[in-house]
Amino acid sequence: MKKRFSKVLSTTLLVAMLSTAITGCGSQGEKADDTTASEKPKEMVELTVEVFDRSTPGYQADKNFQTDWIQKNFGDPNGIKLKFVPVLRNQEVDKLNVLMAANQAPDICFTYNEGLMYNYIKNGGLTDLGKLLDEHGKNLKAYLGDTLLSYGNWGGVQYAVPAKRVMEACFGTFIRKDWLDKVNMPVPETTDQFYNTLKAFKEKDPGKLGDKVIPFTITVDPNNINWTSHTLLESFKKPISEEDRYSMRNWVIPGFKEGMRFMNKLYNEKLLNQQFVLDKDGKQYEKDVAQGKVGSFIQSYDFPYRITPGLATELKKNVPDSDIIPIDPFKNADGKNIKMKYNPNGLFLIVPKSSKRAVEAIKYLDWMSKPEVLKFLQNGVKGDQYTDEQDGIPMNVISNDKLPDEKKANYIDLSIIVNGKEFGSTEKNIKAASFGYPGFENKFTEAYNIALKDAGYMPRFDRVIESEAKYAKALTDKEVQIFVKSITCKPADFDKTYDSLVDDYMKSGGKEIEDEKRVAFKAMKKQ
């Protein structure tokens, strides 16, 4: 089985369907020992744990004050030496595939990509965690609950521990309010008003940028091709049945083509970034926003206000009177601002079949579910990473760029059983989250509420869709072609370009996936 699994993965590298993540102890001297450990083993065993490396200047992802604290409070009392394995965030799928194929993946890995999960399950690459959770993860099971755990269960087997997602908001649309004021335009509330605003940005050039002005920008992220155009494209979709929503590919959903035609119009009128095709990792996108060249963009709902990469903060340094605000202009035919929100699960935490430390892995995740552990990992130390507390919520968070290297923190990627800071109520959770965006607390809250308006969960199947695993890589490459060529072709060529590319896409596996999903949907409805 190992040989077969390695062979398949070495030739089929999948890419991620969705991206982005949302960011939650006591003092550094506090003890958070694993009280379930009855006796320290005679010899230390090694437990390897994946961690995202987000290239934060001065921060070492695999060796820092947080990982030292984990070793002291969990590893040492349990005879476990923890080794953190950094993986660049924008390379995580390809890197994980390579490690899995070589049977060298960390004992605890994670992914947001359900298609990746399908492939690993199909090829026998994952450990069944059901009995291990019963024996060593009672605190963890209580923390997550049965409903959330079901998101890691396919065909009756617990292949993953789903992280709890505290904040379900996903997408946001943003605009330069200072530019609106300079061109004497109101905040756009419809797609037509948005279009007219972009035209004003180009023609009146409120940033005095000349030919460098970018009214609207996107990226070509192959992991999430529609990520930076999501709210716009969703608004063009026509109402469809529940079965169609579960089964159909975006490209063939009625109305989606017209959304792409609108993107083509923006590009040809030079209202859309003319260089977007070259930006596959989003770095130029971030640089353009931070340097004040961009009038509007779509991203994760909190993206411009995050400490890292700090777009709004950097923009303020470059353009002191700048003001990025969240907007919600794209309405569908029913007048709804349709958009996706995250399902209750975050990361899928997995243990490769090749791992010899599955018991230790579950013990580690179980220990992490303790409130004092999560508080430390998600907030750091009062006086070091934050200066005050309000209603038990750490506040006045100090940004990493203002901390010495030895005190820089990662509040997202070490507390892997939860996505977001949890303090017992929705109101407190939002308030707590806002404290992580110093100087932009109110804008964060406004963006969060907008992101949930008319938002719905993504469809989920309780079984593996084998054709999706089979064709995922090939179809991802074709989605990039559809997206890029349809937007950049001449308007007169749009229909033939889009139709021919989508036809090829559907014949290359898209239709097979749709058919299998229809069968799976009907089977779920009969249960």
Protein backbone atom coordinates (compact mmCIF):
# COMPACT_ATOMS: atom_id res chain seq x y z
CA MET A 1 0.00 0.00 0.00
CA LYS A 2 2.84 2.39 0.80
CA LYS A 3 4.36 1.86 -2.62
CA ARG A 4 1.05 2.46 -4.32
CA PHE A 5 0.38 5.56 -2.25
CA SER A 6 3.82 6.99 -2.96
CA LYS A 7 3.50 6.34 -6.65
CA VAL A 8 0.14 8.07 -6.92
CA LEU A 9 1.12 11.13 -4.93
CA SER A 10 4.45 11.55 -6.66
CA THR A 11 2.61 11.98 -9.95
CA THR A 12 -0.46 13.84 -8.71
CA LEU A 13 0.18 17.01 -6.74
CA LEU A 14 -3.07 18.58 -5.64
CA VAL A 15 -3.61 22.27 -4.94
CA ALA A 16 -5.77 23.95 -2.31
CA MET A 17 -9.45 24.88 -2.95
CA LEU A 18 -9.74 27.71 -0.40
CA SER A 19 -7.35 29.76 1.41
CA THR A 20 -6.83 32.06 4.01
CA ALA A 21 -7.05 31.69 7.81
CA ILE A 22 -8.24 33.64 10.58
CA THR A 23 -6.49 34.08 13.90
CA GLY A 24 -6.43 33.52 21.29
CA CYS A 25 -2.63 31.71 28.89
CA GLY A 26 -1.25 32.98 31.46
CA SER A 27 2.28 34.00 32.14
CA GLN A 28 5.22 32.32 30.53
CA GLY A 29 6.08 30.75 33.82
CA GLU A 30 2.67 29.09 34.26
CA LYS A 31 2.56 25.31 34.26
CA ALA A 32 0.14 23.50 32.00
CA ASP A 33 1.29 19.93 32.59
CA ASP A 34 -0.46 16.97 31.04
CA THR A 35 -2.27 15.58 34.07
CA THR A 36 -3.11 12.40 32.17
CA ALA A 37 0.54 11.33 32.13
CA SER A 38 0.99 8.90 35.00
CA GLU A 39 4.69 8.34 34.63
CA LYS A 40 7.50 9.93 32.65
CA PRO A 41 8.93 7.42 30.13
CA LYS A 42 12.56 6.45 30.50
CA GLU A 43 13.52 7.60 27.03
CA MET A 44 12.31 10.60 25.07
CA VAL A 45 10.45 9.88 21.83
CA GLU A 46 10.19 12.43 19.01
CA LEU A 47 6.88 13.89 17.87
CA THR A 48 7.03 15.95 14.68
CA VAL A 49 4.44 18.66 14.07
CA GLU A 50 3.87 20.72 10.94
CA VAL A 51 3.82 24.51 11.34
CA PHE A 52 3.21 27.17 8.72
CA ASP A 53 6.11 29.49 7.98
CA ARG A 54 4.63 32.87 7.00
CA SER A 55 8.05 34.47 6.46
CA THR A 56 7.63 36.93 9.33
CA PRO A 57 10.88 38.92 9.58
CA GLY A 58 12.88 37.96 12.67
CA TYR A 59 10.56 35.09 13.63
CA GLN A 60 11.73 31.48 13.57
CA ALA A 61 8.71 29.26 13.02
CA ASP A 62 10.24 26.10 14.51
CA LYS A 63 12.12 27.58 17.48
CA ASN A 64 10.69 30.42 19.57
CA PHE A 65 9.36 31.20 23.04
CA GLN A 66 6.06 29.47 22.27
CA THR A 67 7.62 26.21 21.08
CA ASP A 68 9.97 26.29 24.10
CA TRP A 69 6.92 26.65 26.37
CA ILE A 70 5.21 23.71 24.66
CA GLN A 71 8.29 21.56 25.19
CA LYS A 72 8.53 22.53 28.86
CA ASN A 73 4.85 22.09 29.70
CA PHE A 74 3.87 19.15 27.50
CA GLY A 75 6.95 17.51 26.06
CA ASP A 76 9.19 17.18 29.10
CA PRO A 77 6.52 15.82 31.50
CA ASN A 78 5.51 13.20 28.93
CA GLY A 79 8.93 12.14 27.66
CA ILE A 80 8.29 13.64 24.24
CA LYS A 81 10.71 15.74 22.24
CA LEU A 82 8.72 18.00 19.94
CA LYS A 83 10.15 18.91 16.57
CA PHE A 84 8.28 21.53 14.53
CA VAL A 85 8.55 21.24 10.75
CA PRO A 86 8.13 24.59 8.95
CA VAL A 87 6.27 24.65 5.63
CA LEU A 88 5.81 27.84 3.63
CA ARG A 89 2.13 28.77 3.65
CA ASN A 90 1.86 29.29 -0.10
CA GLN A 91 3.61 25.96 -0.81
CA GLU A 92 1.86 23.85 1.80
CA VAL A 93 -0.11 21.54 -0.51
CA ASP A 94 2.75 20.66 -2.84
CA LYS A 95 5.15 20.26 0.10
CA LEU A 96 2.77 18.04 2.03
CA ASN A 97 2.20 15.86 -1.03
CA VAL A 98 5.95 15.40 -1.46
CA LEU A 99 6.42 14.52 2.22
CA MET A 100 3.48 12.11 2.20
CA ALA A 101 4.69 10.41 -0.97
CA ALA A 102 8.12 9.88 0.60
CA ASN A 103 6.64 8.66 3.92
CA GLN A 104 8.45 11.59 5.59
CA ALA A 105 5.47 13.70 6.60
CA PRO A 106 5.32 14.99 10.21
CA ASP A 107 3.33 12.96 12.74
CA ILE A 108 0.78 15.79 12.83
CA CYS A 109 -0.01 17.44 9.51
CA PHE A 110 -2.85 19.68 8.47
CA THR A 111 -4.62 21.07 5.44
CA TYR A 112 -7.71 23.11 4.59
CA ASN A 113 -8.07 21.20 1.32
CA GLU A 114 -10.86 18.63 1.31
CA GLY A 115 -9.80 17.40 -2.12
CA LEU A 116 -6.42 16.59 -0.65
CA MET A 117 -8.15 14.63 2.10
CA TYR A 118 -10.06 12.63 -0.52
CA ASN A 119 -6.84 11.62 -2.21
CA TYR A 120 -5.07 10.60 1.00
CA ILE A 121 -8.10 8.57 2.14
CA LYS A 122 -8.48 6.88 -1.23
CA ASN A 123 -4.84 5.83 -1.22
CA GLY A 124 -4.75 4.57 2.37
CA GLY A 125 -2.43 7.29 3.61
CA LEU A 126 -4.14 8.26 6.87
CA THR A 127 -4.47 6.79 10.35
CA ASP A 128 -7.94 5.97 11.70
CA LEU A 129 -8.14 8.22 14.77
CA GLY A 130 -11.46 6.97 16.19
CA LYS A 131 -10.23 4.60 18.93
CA LEU A 132 -7.24 6.84 19.69
CA LEU A 133 -9.58 9.74 20.41
CA ASP A 134 -11.68 7.52 22.68
CA GLU A 135 -8.60 6.39 24.61
CA HIS A 136 -6.40 9.50 24.68
CA GLY A 137 -8.52 12.44 23.54
CA LYS A 138 -11.43 12.75 25.95
CA ASN A 139 -10.78 16.44 26.66
CA LEU A 140 -10.36 17.10 22.96
CA LYS A 141 -13.61 15.32 22.08
CA ALA A 142 -15.47 17.31 24.71
CA TYR A 143 -14.00 20.55 23.40
CA LEU A 144 -14.84 19.88 19.75
CA GLY A 145 -18.15 18.04 20.14
CA ASP A 146 -19.69 15.32 17.98
CA THR A 147 -21.08 17.62 15.27
CA LEU A 148 -17.73 19.21 14.54
CA LEU A 149 -15.90 15.87 14.72
CA SER A 150 -18.24 14.57 12.01
CA TYR A 151 -16.50 16.93 9.57
CA GLY A 152 -13.42 14.72 9.88
CA ASN A 153 -15.36 11.49 9.31
CA TRP A 154 -15.74 9.93 5.89
CA GLY A 155 -17.57 6.67 5.38
CA GLY A 156 -17.72 6.06 9.14
CA VAL A 157 -13.96 6.45 9.69
CA GLN A 158 -12.43 9.32 11.69
CA TYR A 159 -9.61 10.28 9.34
CA ALA A 160 -9.09 13.79 10.72
CA VAL A 161 -9.54 15.98 13.77
CA PRO A 162 -11.25 19.12 12.48
CA ALA A 163 -10.14 22.34 14.14
CA LYS A 164 -12.93 24.45 15.62
CA ARG A 165 -13.57 27.61 13.62
CA VAL A 166 -14.60 30.41 15.94
CA MET A 167 -15.05 33.12 13.30
CA GLU A 168 -17.00 31.96 10.25
CA ALA A 169 -16.69 35.15 8.19
CA CYS A 170 -14.67 34.69 5.02
CA PHE A 171 -14.72 37.32 2.26
CA GLY A 172 -14.56 41.10 2.18
CA THR A 173 -14.57 43.81 -0.47
CA PHE A 174 -12.57 46.95 0.27
CA ILE A 175 -12.22 50.44 -1.16
CA ARG A 176 -10.12 53.54 -0.57
CA LYS A 177 -12.51 55.95 1.19
CA ASP A 178 -10.01 58.81 0.78
CA TRP A 179 -10.13 58.24 -2.99
CA LEU A 180 -13.93 58.29 -2.93
CA ASP A 181 -13.84 61.64 -1.18
CA LYS A 182 -11.37 63.09 -3.67
CA VAL A 183 -13.48 62.08 -6.68
CA ASN A 184 -16.68 63.11 -4.89
CA MET A 185 -18.30 59.66 -5.13
CA PRO A 186 -20.45 57.88 -2.52
CA VAL A 187 -19.67 54.42 -1.16
CA PRO A 188 -20.85 52.10 -3.99
CA GLU A 189 -23.90 50.00 -3.13
CA THR A 190 -24.46 48.25 -6.47
CA THR A 191 -22.31 46.67 -9.16
CA ASP A 192 -23.06 49.56 -11.53
CA GLN A 193 -21.98 52.09 -8.90
CA PHE A 194 -18.82 50.05 -8.29
CA TYR A 195 -18.05 50.13 -12.02
CA ASN A 196 -18.62 53.90 -12.20
CA THR A 197 -16.36 54.39 -9.18
CA LEU A 198 -13.54 52.43 -10.83
CA LYS A 199 -13.92 54.62 -13.92
CA ALA A 200 -13.65 57.73 -11.75
CA PHE A 201 -10.53 56.36 -10.07
CA LYS A 202 -8.90 55.83 -13.46
CA GLU A 203 -9.96 59.09 -15.07
CA LYS A 204 -9.55 61.47 -12.11
CA ASP A 205 -6.51 59.71 -10.59
CA PRO A 206 -7.07 60.72 -6.94
CA GLY A 207 -3.71 59.26 -5.90
CA LYS A 208 -1.79 61.27 -8.51
CA LEU A 209 -0.24 58.06 -9.85
CA GLY A 210 -0.55 58.56 -13.58
CA ASP A 211 -0.39 55.29 -15.52
CA LYS A 212 0.42 53.42 -12.27
CA VAL A 213 -3.10 53.77 -10.88
CA ILE A 214 -4.89 50.43 -10.36
CA PRO A 215 -8.64 50.95 -9.81
CA PHE A 216 -9.21 47.25 -8.97
CA THR A 217 -6.77 44.38 -8.48
CA ILE A 218 -6.82 40.57 -8.32
CA THR A 219 -4.30 37.72 -8.30
CA VAL A 220 -3.89 34.39 -10.07
CA ASP A 221 -3.58 32.10 -7.07
CA PRO A 222 -3.79 28.56 -8.51
CA ASN A 223 -4.75 27.26 -5.07
CA ASN A 224 -7.85 29.50 -4.94
CA ILE A 225 -8.43 30.89 -8.42
CA ASN A 226 -11.55 32.94 -7.62
CA TRP A 227 -10.44 34.11 -4.17
CA THR A 228 -9.81 37.76 -5.06
CA SER A 229 -12.96 38.05 -7.17
CA HIS A 230 -15.35 35.92 -5.10
CA THR A 231 -17.97 38.42 -3.93
CA LEU A 232 -18.22 39.95 -7.41
CA LEU A 233 -18.57 36.66 -9.30
CA GLU A 234 -21.04 35.16 -6.80
CA SER A 235 -23.43 38.05 -7.41
CA PHE A 236 -23.85 37.06 -11.06
CA LYS A 237 -25.01 33.51 -10.31
CA LYS A 238 -28.67 32.70 -10.92
CA PRO A 239 -30.77 30.85 -8.31
CA ILE A 240 -30.31 27.08 -8.58
CA SER A 241 -31.58 24.00 -6.75
CA GLU A 242 -29.85 22.52 -3.72
CA GLU A 243 -28.73 19.53 -5.77
CA ASP A 244 -27.23 21.82 -8.41
CA ARG A 245 -25.47 23.88 -5.73
CA TYR A 246 -23.85 20.72 -4.35
CA SER A 247 -22.95 19.31 -7.75
CA MET A 248 -22.25 21.90 -10.43
CA ARG A 249 -18.86 23.41 -11.17
CA ASN A 250 -18.74 27.21 -10.90
CA TRP A 251 -17.96 27.64 -14.58
CA VAL A 252 -21.28 26.14 -15.72
CA ILE A 253 -23.59 27.60 -13.07
CA PRO A 254 -26.04 29.93 -14.85
CA GLY A 255 -24.87 33.53 -14.63
CA PHE A 256 -21.24 32.83 -13.72
CA LYS A 257 -20.14 33.35 -17.30
CA GLU A 258 -21.61 36.86 -17.20
CA GLY A 259 -19.56 37.59 -14.12
CA MET A 260 -16.46 36.59 -16.04
CA ARG A 261 -17.60 38.76 -18.95
CA PHE A 262 -17.77 41.70 -16.52
CA MET A 263 -14.21 40.95 -15.40
CA ASN A 264 -13.18 40.92 -19.07
CA LYS A 265 -14.78 44.35 -19.48
CA LEU A 266 -12.88 45.73 -16.49
CA TYR A 267 -9.61 44.40 -17.88
CA ASN A 268 -10.11 45.74 -21.39
CA GLU A 269 -11.08 49.17 -20.05
CA LYS A 270 -7.95 49.13 -17.87
CA LEU A 271 -9.96 49.28 -14.68
CA LEU A 272 -8.44 45.95 -13.60
CA ASN A 273 -4.75 45.45 -12.87
CA GLN A 274 -3.12 44.85 -16.25
CA GLN A 275 -0.31 42.80 -14.65
CA PHE A 276 -2.46 40.46 -12.54
CA VAL A 277 -1.49 37.42 -14.66
CA LEU A 278 2.07 37.58 -13.32
CA ASP A 279 1.02 37.62 -9.65
CA LYS A 280 0.60 33.99 -8.61
CA ASP A 281 1.57 34.33 -4.93
CA GLY A 282 -0.16 37.64 -4.16
CA LYS A 283 3.04 39.43 -3.16
CA GLN A 284 2.72 42.11 -5.84
CA TYR A 285 -0.95 42.48 -4.93
CA GLU A 286 0.03 43.22 -1.32
CA LYS A 287 2.81 45.58 -2.37
CA ASP A 288 0.51 47.55 -4.69
CA VAL A 289 -2.10 47.99 -1.94
CA ALA A 290 0.48 48.97 0.67
CA GLN A 291 2.12 51.49 -1.68
CA GLY A 292 -1.18 53.22 -2.36
CA LYS A 293 -1.66 52.22 -5.99
CA VAL A 294 -4.95 50.30 -5.58
CA GLY A 295 -8.45 51.72 -5.27
CA SER A 296 -10.41 48.52 -4.50
CA PHE A 297 -9.82 44.82 -3.90
CA ILE A 298 -11.42 41.61 -2.62
CA GLN A 299 -9.76 39.40 0.00
CA SER A 300 -10.27 37.67 3.33
CA TYR A 301 -12.62 39.87 5.37
CA ASP A 302 -9.87 40.99 7.77
CA PHE A 303 -6.90 40.96 5.41
CA PRO A 304 -5.98 44.67 5.18
CA TYR A 305 -6.23 45.13 8.95
CA ARG A 306 -4.05 42.19 9.98
CA ILE A 307 -0.80 42.83 11.79
CA THR A 308 0.84 40.63 9.15
CA PRO A 309 1.23 41.60 6.31
CA GLY A 310 -0.03 44.91 7.73
CA LEU A 311 -1.39 46.44 4.52
CA ALA A 312 -3.46 49.22 6.10
CA THR A 313 -0.62 50.07 8.50
CA GLU A 314 1.96 50.21 5.72
CA LEU A 315 -0.41 52.23 3.56
CA LYS A 316 -0.80 54.78 6.38
CA LYS A 317 2.97 55.16 6.44
CA ASN A 318 3.08 55.77 2.69
CA VAL A 319 -0.15 57.77 2.40
CA PRO A 320 -1.00 59.34 5.79
CA ASP A 321 -4.58 60.32 4.84
CA SER A 322 -5.42 56.89 3.41
CA ASP A 323 -8.49 55.01 4.62
CA ILE A 324 -9.43 51.45 3.60
CA ILE A 325 -13.06 50.63 4.39
CA PRO A 326 -15.17 47.47 3.88
CA ILE A 327 -18.06 47.66 1.41
CA ASP A 328 -20.70 45.24 0.12
CA PRO A 329 -21.89 46.41 -3.30
CA PHE A 330 -22.50 43.19 -5.22
CA LYS A 331 -26.16 42.09 -5.15
CA ASN A 332 -27.60 39.14 -7.03
CA ALA A 333 -30.91 39.03 -8.92
CA ASP A 334 -32.78 38.60 -5.61
CA GLY A 335 -31.08 41.61 -4.04
CA LYS A 336 -28.89 39.44 -1.80
CA ASN A 337 -25.19 40.01 -1.16
CA ILE A 338 -24.41 36.32 -1.56
CA LYS A 339 -21.02 35.13 -0.40
CA MET A 340 -19.41 32.10 1.19
CA LYS A 341 -18.70 31.72 4.87
CA TYR A 342 -16.48 29.11 6.42
CA ASN A 343 -17.94 25.82 7.58
CA PRO A 344 -17.68 25.19 11.35
CA ASN A 345 -14.45 23.27 10.81
CA GLY A 346 -11.09 24.85 10.14
CA LEU A 347 -7.99 22.81 9.47
CA PHE A 348 -8.12 19.05 9.00
CA LEU A 349 -5.54 17.67 11.44
CA ILE A 350 -4.23 14.32 10.24
CA VAL A 351 -1.77 11.63 11.25
CA PRO A 352 -0.09 9.87 8.29
CA LYS A 353 -0.35 6.09 8.20
CA SER A 354 3.46 6.00 8.22
CA SER A 355 3.60 7.69 11.64
CA LYS A 356 4.65 5.67 14.69
CA ARG A 357 3.51 8.42 17.08
CA ALA A 358 -0.26 8.48 16.63
CA VAL A 359 -0.86 8.05 20.38
CA GLU A 360 1.48 10.92 21.22
CA ALA A 361 -0.15 13.04 18.51
CA ILE A 362 -3.60 12.68 20.05
CA LYS A 363 -2.22 13.27 23.54
CA TYR A 364 -0.66 16.51 22.30
CA LEU A 365 -3.91 17.72 20.73
CA ASP A 366 -5.82 16.69 23.86
CA TRP A 367 -3.44 18.72 26.05
CA MET A 368 -3.86 21.69 23.73
CA SER A 369 -7.62 21.77 24.39
CA LYS A 370 -7.05 23.07 27.93
CA PRO A 371 -8.13 26.73 28.31
CA GLU A 372 -4.83 27.85 29.84
CA VAL A 373 -2.87 26.29 26.97
CA LEU A 374 -5.00 27.91 24.29
CA LYS A 375 -4.85 31.27 26.04
CA PHE A 376 -1.06 31.21 26.04
CA LEU A 377 -0.65 29.99 22.46
CA GLN A 378 -3.16 32.50 21.10
CA ASN A 379 -2.11 35.55 23.12
CA GLY A 380 1.35 35.16 24.59
CA VAL A 381 2.37 36.79 27.87
CA LYS A 382 0.89 39.88 29.47
CA GLY A 383 3.58 42.52 29.48
CA ASP A 384 5.36 40.97 26.52
CA GLN A 385 2.87 40.43 23.70
CA TYR A 386 -0.06 42.43 25.13
CA THR A 387 -0.34 45.03 27.85
CA ASP A 388 -3.81 44.76 29.38
CA GLU A 389 -6.96 42.64 29.76
CA GLN A 390 -10.63 43.51 29.55
CA ASP A 391 -13.32 41.02 30.65
CA GLY A 392 -10.60 38.37 30.67
CA ILE A 393 -9.67 39.18 27.07
CA PRO A 394 -6.06 40.18 26.36
CA MET A 395 -5.91 43.56 24.61
CA ASN A 396 -3.44 46.15 23.37
CA VAL A 397 -1.65 43.49 21.37
CA ILE A 398 1.89 44.52 20.42
CA SER A 399 2.65 43.92 16.76
CA ASN A 400 5.62 41.73 15.86
CA ASP A 401 7.42 44.59 14.14
CA LYS A 402 7.58 46.34 17.52
CA LEU A 403 8.82 43.30 19.45
CA PRO A 404 12.38 41.97 19.76
CA ASP A 405 12.91 38.77 17.78
CA GLU A 406 12.87 36.57 20.88
CA LYS A 407 9.35 37.78 21.75
CA LYS A 408 7.78 37.65 18.29
CA ALA A 409 4.74 35.37 18.25
CA ASN A 410 2.54 33.32 15.94
CA TYR A 411 -1.02 33.29 17.28
CA ILE A 412 -2.52 31.30 14.41
CA ASP A 413 -0.42 28.29 13.57
CA LEU A 414 0.54 26.72 16.90
CA SER A 415 -2.95 26.49 18.44
CA ILE A 416 -4.00 24.16 15.65
CA ILE A 417 -7.16 22.71 17.23
CA VAL A 418 -8.93 26.04 16.90
CA ASN A 419 -9.13 28.71 14.23
CA GLY A 420 -9.79 31.97 16.06
CA LYS A 421 -9.87 33.11 19.69
CA GLU A 422 -12.66 31.66 21.77
CA PHE A 423 -13.99 33.26 24.96
CA GLY A 424 -17.41 31.71 25.44
CA SER A 425 -19.81 33.93 23.47
CA THR A 426 -20.10 35.36 19.97
CA GLU A 427 -19.97 38.92 21.30
CA LYS A 428 -16.81 38.28 23.34
CA ASN A 429 -15.23 36.34 20.50
CA ILE A 430 -15.71 39.25 18.07
CA LYS A 431 -14.47 41.72 20.68
CA ALA A 432 -11.45 39.54 21.44
CA ALA A 433 -10.68 39.14 17.76
CA SER A 434 -10.87 42.90 17.22
CA PHE A 435 -8.16 43.46 19.83
CA GLY A 436 -5.80 41.62 17.48
CA TYR A 437 -6.11 44.47 14.98
CA PRO A 438 -4.74 47.45 16.93
CA GLY A 439 -5.86 50.73 15.45
CA PHE A 440 -8.47 49.02 13.26
CA GLU A 441 -10.76 47.44 15.87
CA ASN A 442 -13.93 49.14 14.60
CA LYS A 443 -13.18 48.47 10.95
CA PHE A 444 -12.51 44.82 11.76
CA THR A 445 -15.90 44.50 13.47
CA GLU A 446 -17.67 46.21 10.57
CA ALA A 447 -15.90 43.99 8.04
CA TYR A 448 -16.80 40.87 10.03
CA ASN A 449 -20.49 41.73 10.14
CA ILE A 450 -20.55 42.55 6.42
CA ALA A 451 -18.83 39.27 5.62
CA LEU A 452 -21.62 37.30 7.32
CA LYS A 453 -24.48 39.14 5.61
CA ASP A 454 -26.32 36.72 3.29
CA ALA A 455 -23.40 34.28 3.64
CA GLY A 456 -23.83 30.50 3.38
CA TYR A 457 -21.80 27.39 4.13
CA MET A 458 -20.02 25.44 1.42
CA PRO A 459 -21.63 22.14 0.45
CA ARG A 460 -20.04 19.12 2.13
CA PHE A 461 -20.30 15.41 1.38
CA ASP A 462 -19.97 12.74 4.04
CA ARG A 463 -18.16 10.44 1.64
CA VAL A 464 -15.16 10.63 -0.65
CA ILE A 465 -15.83 11.99 -4.16
CA GLU A 466 -13.30 9.82 -5.95
CA SER A 467 -13.43 11.65 -9.26
CA GLU A 468 -12.57 14.91 -7.50
CA ALA A 469 -9.40 13.37 -6.13
CA LYS A 470 -8.67 11.83 -9.54
CA TYR A 471 -8.96 15.02 -11.58
CA ALA A 472 -8.15 17.75 -9.04
CA LYS A 473 -4.66 18.66 -10.27
CA ALA A 474 -5.50 18.60 -13.96
CA LEU A 475 -8.68 20.62 -13.47
CA THR A 476 -6.92 23.17 -11.28
CA ASP A 477 -4.50 23.86 -14.13
CA LYS A 478 -7.43 24.23 -16.52
CA GLU A 479 -9.22 26.61 -14.12
CA VAL A 480 -6.21 28.91 -14.24
CA GLN A 481 -6.41 28.90 -18.04
CA ILE A 482 -10.14 29.63 -18.06
CA PHE A 483 -9.73 32.46 -15.57
CA VAL A 484 -6.75 34.15 -17.22
CA LYS A 485 -7.66 33.71 -20.88
CA SER A 486 -11.32 34.66 -20.43
CA ILE A 487 -10.43 37.87 -18.62
CA THR A 488 -7.58 38.96 -20.90
CA CYS A 489 -9.00 38.11 -24.34
CA LYS A 490 -10.58 40.74 -26.55
CA PRO A 491 -14.30 41.32 -25.80
CA ALA A 492 -15.24 40.05 -29.27
CA ASP A 493 -13.47 36.76 -28.52
CA PHE A 494 -14.90 36.25 -25.02
CA ASP A 495 -17.72 33.83 -25.85
CA LYS A 496 -15.69 31.45 -27.97
CA THR A 497 -12.75 31.61 -25.55
CA TYR A 498 -14.84 30.91 -22.46
CA ASP A 499 -17.08 28.28 -24.06
CA SER A 500 -14.24 26.27 -25.59
CA LEU A 501 -12.16 26.27 -22.40
CA VAL A 502 -15.09 25.32 -20.20
CA ASP A 503 -16.16 22.60 -22.63
CA ASP A 504 -12.65 21.12 -22.46
CA TYR A 505 -12.72 21.42 -18.66
CA MET A 506 -15.99 19.53 -18.37
CA LYS A 507 -14.83 16.81 -20.77
CA SER A 508 -11.57 16.45 -18.83
CA GLY A 509 -13.26 15.40 -15.59
CA GLY A 510 -15.57 18.24 -14.61
CA LYS A 511 -18.69 16.45 -15.83
CA GLU A 512 -17.65 13.20 -14.18
CA ILE A 513 -17.25 15.00 -10.85
CA GLU A 514 -20.65 16.64 -11.24
CA ASP A 515 -22.32 13.30 -12.01
CA GLU A 516 -20.71 11.58 -9.03
CA LYS A 517 -21.74 14.43 -6.73
CA ARG A 518 -25.35 14.18 -7.90
CA VAL A 519 -25.38 10.49 -7.00
CA ALA A 520 -23.78 11.23 -3.62
CA PHE A 521 -26.23 14.07 -2.90
CA LYS A 522 -29.24 11.85 -3.58
CA ALA A 523 -27.76 9.10 -1.39
CA MET A 524 -27.27 11.55 1.50
CA LYS A 525 -30.86 12.77 1.17
CA LYS A 526 -32.14 9.19 1.51
CA GLN A 527 -30.30 8.62 4.81
